[in-house]
Every structure is written in structure tokens, then in C-alpha cells.
Protein backbone atom coordinates (compact mmCIF):
# COMPACT_ATOMS: atom_id res chain seq x y z
CA HIS A 1 31.11 119.78 87.01
CA MET A 2 28.93 119.58 83.98
CA LEU A 3 26.08 117.38 82.80
CA PHE A 4 24.86 118.19 79.32
CA VAL A 5 21.84 116.62 77.62
CA ASP A 6 21.43 117.02 73.87
CA GLY A 7 17.81 115.88 73.61
CA GLY A 8 17.60 116.61 69.89
CA ASN A 9 20.37 114.09 69.11
CA ASN A 10 19.83 111.73 72.08
CA LYS A 11 23.32 112.33 73.49
CA VAL A 12 24.54 112.96 77.04
CA GLY A 13 27.81 114.62 77.96
CA ILE A 14 29.46 114.40 81.36
CA GLY A 15 32.29 116.88 81.62
CA THR A 16 31.61 118.16 78.11
CA SER A 17 28.97 120.30 76.44
CA SER A 18 29.54 118.66 73.05
CA PRO A 19 29.01 114.88 73.37
CA THR A 20 30.02 112.91 70.28
CA GLU A 21 28.43 109.59 71.27
CA THR A 22 25.27 108.49 73.09
CA LEU A 23 27.25 108.90 76.33
CA THR A 24 30.51 110.86 76.35
CA VAL A 25 32.52 111.14 79.58
CA VAL A 26 35.44 113.59 79.70
CA ASP A 27 37.64 114.49 82.65
CA SER A 28 40.65 116.43 81.43
CA SER A 29 41.89 116.90 85.01
CA SER A 30 42.36 113.14 85.50
CA ILE A 31 45.10 110.90 84.08
CA ASN A 32 42.32 108.50 83.03
CA ASN A 33 40.42 111.16 81.01
CA GLY A 34 36.92 110.12 81.99
CA THR A 35 36.13 107.16 84.20
CA ILE A 36 32.81 105.37 84.56
CA HIS A 37 32.53 104.06 88.14
CA LEU A 38 30.01 101.31 88.94
CA GLY A 39 29.33 100.30 92.53
CA GLY A 40 30.12 101.63 95.97
CA ALA A 41 33.18 102.70 97.91
CA SER A 42 34.57 99.22 98.74
CA TYR A 43 33.46 97.09 95.80
CA TYR A 44 33.36 98.65 92.38
CA ALA A 45 34.26 98.35 88.74
CA SER A 46 35.48 101.14 86.52
CA ILE A 47 36.12 101.71 82.84
CA SER A 48 38.56 104.41 81.82
CA GLN A 49 40.99 105.46 79.11
CA ASP A 50 44.70 105.07 79.78
CA ALA A 51 45.87 108.46 78.55
CA VAL A 52 49.31 108.03 80.14
CA SER A 53 50.60 104.76 78.62
CA ASP A 54 48.99 103.87 75.33
CA GLY A 55 45.48 105.28 75.06
CA GLY A 56 44.01 101.83 75.67
CA VAL A 57 40.97 101.05 77.77
CA ILE A 58 41.39 100.06 81.41
CA TYR A 59 38.81 97.72 82.93
CA ASN A 60 39.36 97.73 86.66
CA SER A 61 37.64 95.90 89.48
CA ASN A 62 38.36 96.78 93.07
CA ALA A 63 37.50 94.78 96.16
CA ALA A 64 37.87 95.19 99.88
CA ALA A 65 41.38 94.89 101.31
CA GLY A 66 42.81 91.39 100.92
CA ALA A 67 40.24 90.23 98.38
CA SER A 68 41.19 89.33 94.82
CA HIS A 69 38.62 89.84 92.09
CA GLY A 70 38.93 89.80 88.35
CA HIS A 71 36.70 90.27 85.36
CA LYS A 72 33.77 88.07 84.48
CA PHE A 73 32.14 88.00 81.06
CA HIS A 74 28.59 86.67 81.20
CA VAL A 75 26.34 85.35 78.44
CA ASP A 76 22.68 84.72 79.32
CA GLY A 77 23.43 85.17 83.02
CA THR A 78 26.28 82.62 83.19
CA ALA A 79 30.00 83.42 83.44
CA ARG A 80 31.59 82.20 80.20
CA MET A 81 35.05 83.76 80.60
CA VAL A 82 36.90 84.91 83.69
CA ILE A 83 40.18 86.74 84.17
CA ASP A 84 40.99 86.23 87.84
CA GLY A 85 43.00 88.48 90.15
CA SER A 86 46.22 86.61 89.24
CA GLY A 87 45.73 87.19 85.51
CA ASN A 88 44.70 83.61 84.77
CA VAL A 89 42.05 83.17 82.07
CA GLY A 90 39.25 80.63 82.14
CA ILE A 91 37.02 80.08 79.11
CA GLY A 92 34.04 77.90 79.94
CA ASN A 93 35.70 77.28 83.29
CA THR A 94 35.35 79.73 86.16
CA GLY A 95 36.81 77.55 88.92
CA GLY A 96 40.40 77.18 87.83
CA PHE A 97 42.41 74.01 87.35
CA ALA A 98 43.97 71.68 89.91
CA ASP A 99 47.54 72.01 88.58
CA VAL A 100 48.69 75.61 89.11
CA ALA A 101 51.50 75.10 86.56
CA GLY A 102 48.81 74.76 83.88
CA ASP A 103 46.09 77.16 84.95
CA ASP A 104 47.09 80.37 83.12
CA LEU A 105 44.59 79.49 80.38
CA VAL A 106 41.94 76.84 81.01
CA ILE A 107 39.41 75.92 78.33
CA GLY A 108 36.48 73.73 79.30
CA ASN A 109 34.75 72.59 82.45
CA ASN A 110 35.05 68.77 82.46
CA ILE A 111 31.59 68.49 80.89
CA GLY A 112 31.34 67.52 77.22
CA SER A 113 33.88 68.22 74.49
CA HIS A 114 36.05 71.34 74.29
CA GLY A 115 38.75 72.53 71.95
CA LEU A 116 41.06 75.22 70.73
CA THR A 117 41.36 76.20 67.07
CA ILE A 118 44.23 78.09 65.48
CA HIS A 119 42.98 79.16 62.05
CA SER A 120 45.60 80.43 59.59
CA ALA A 121 45.82 81.13 55.88
CA ALA A 122 46.93 78.30 53.54
CA ALA A 123 50.32 79.94 52.89
CA ASN A 124 51.20 80.24 56.61
CA THR A 125 51.71 78.21 59.77
CA SER A 126 49.66 77.66 62.91
CA SER A 127 51.94 77.63 65.94
CA ILE A 128 52.26 77.19 69.67
CA PHE A 129 55.48 78.63 71.08
CA PHE A 130 57.16 77.92 74.41
CA GLY A 131 59.51 80.55 75.74
CA ASN A 132 61.66 81.79 78.57
CA ASP A 133 64.32 84.40 79.19
CA GLY A 134 67.15 81.85 79.11
CA THR A 135 69.96 81.19 76.67
CA ASN A 136 67.69 80.61 73.65
CA GLY A 137 66.03 83.99 73.88
CA ASN A 138 62.27 84.18 73.82
CA ILE A 139 61.56 80.92 71.95
CA ASP A 140 62.66 77.70 73.59
CA GLY A 141 60.46 75.32 71.60
CA SER A 142 57.40 75.13 69.38
CA VAL A 143 54.80 72.98 67.71
CA GLN A 144 53.97 74.21 64.21
CA TYR A 145 51.60 73.07 61.51
CA PHE A 146 52.77 73.93 58.00
CA HIS A 147 49.66 74.55 55.90
CA GLU A 148 49.11 73.44 52.30
CA SER A 149 50.96 76.30 50.60
CA PHE A 150 53.69 77.05 53.17
CA GLY A 151 57.37 76.21 52.87
CA THR A 152 58.82 73.36 50.86
CA VAL A 153 56.53 70.80 49.25
CA ALA A 154 57.97 68.09 51.53
CA LEU A 155 56.88 69.99 54.66
CA ARG A 156 53.41 71.07 53.53
CA ARG A 157 50.60 69.76 55.74
CA SER A 158 53.16 68.59 58.28
CA LEU A 159 53.30 68.91 62.05
CA VAL A 160 56.77 70.10 63.13
CA PHE A 161 58.17 69.88 66.68
CA LYS A 162 61.11 72.14 67.57
CA THR A 163 63.25 72.43 70.72
CA ALA A 164 66.24 74.49 71.85
CA GLY A 165 65.06 77.47 69.86
CA ASP A 166 64.38 76.83 66.18
CA ASN A 167 65.83 73.29 65.91
CA THR A 168 63.49 70.78 64.25
CA ARG A 169 63.46 67.53 66.24
CA MET A 170 60.47 65.67 64.79
CA VAL A 171 58.21 65.98 61.74
CA ILE A 172 54.97 64.14 61.06
CA ASN A 173 54.24 64.60 57.36
CA SER A 174 50.90 64.54 55.55
CA SER A 175 51.27 60.79 54.87
CA GLY A 176 51.70 60.06 58.58
CA ASN A 177 55.39 59.28 58.30
CA VAL A 178 57.49 60.33 61.28
CA LYS A 179 61.01 61.70 60.93
CA ILE A 180 62.99 62.06 64.15
CA LYS A 181 66.28 63.94 64.26
CA THR A 182 68.76 62.43 66.68
């Protein structure tokens, strides 16, 4: 095991004698190629590189048997985003949502105003897609906003609702007129 301090360049190497960053951790004998472990034996968090799958970064939290912990991102000492043990994400809400069918992503905490912005270029769309593995493939429906330079002139700045795949069912155009396909 090796700890190397390059005092002249303010770099520390663990498992390497040639650190490239302020702290470089290398473990070529591990599938994670250098893991930083924070905490004790039962409760801990670790950061490592996934050298087996895709080279991505793995953020892992481990709890005692039976407990389910996730990741908490704090700003000024307060949790602002949480990914819980089930994979649900809360932004501005760390306590979940009463309806489990709608708690995969929760924005807000029932205090004040909250929102979600989808910001796209003028020649594109902003979209929310609904999908499943059924007969329509991955896309079963969508809500799309056609921006000012996208598509035909008649559809620009329109809100388009689609179901059963890519079938337009309703359009609200920029004048507020509603067209419903029956």
C-alpha cells in the first residue's frame, strides 16, 4: 500500500506515486479502480469509478441490514435534493409524496411557489413523454410545445397533446384556439 505526498505540487497519491490531481486514488486490483470510503463499517458512503460497465462514477451509500438510505444533496446545511433508496427523486422535498404513483419525481414542499422549466431552442420542441413496454413501443403519449421556428407555421407556438403513440389528439394554437381530433 502506498501513500505519496508531492509537497512541491500540493498533490497526494494513494496507490500511486504520480498523482495527477490534488488527490488521486488508484487501486488497480479492484473492479472499482480506487474507492473513497467515508464512515464506519455499518454506515458509510463511497465514491468510486465503475471500470467494469461504463467508466462512470458510482456514489454508494450503505446502511445497516434492513435500512434504506439514499443520497442527499445539501446547500447551506439543508437537504435540497434527495434520491431515496427506491430511486425516487425529491427536489425541495425530502419527505416524499402521499400518492406513491406520483412520487418518482417530486418538486416542491407545499410552501410557496414551485415549478419545472423545459428550455429548448426556438427551432425545437419542449416535450413530456409517457411510455410503457406495450403495443405502442416506448412512447404511449406526449405533451409537446412547438416553439416559434419549429414545424409548420400553423403549429408554431402551439401545445400539442398526443396519445396512442404519435397520434395528435388536441392542439392549442398560439391564438388560443383548440382543435380536437375525434
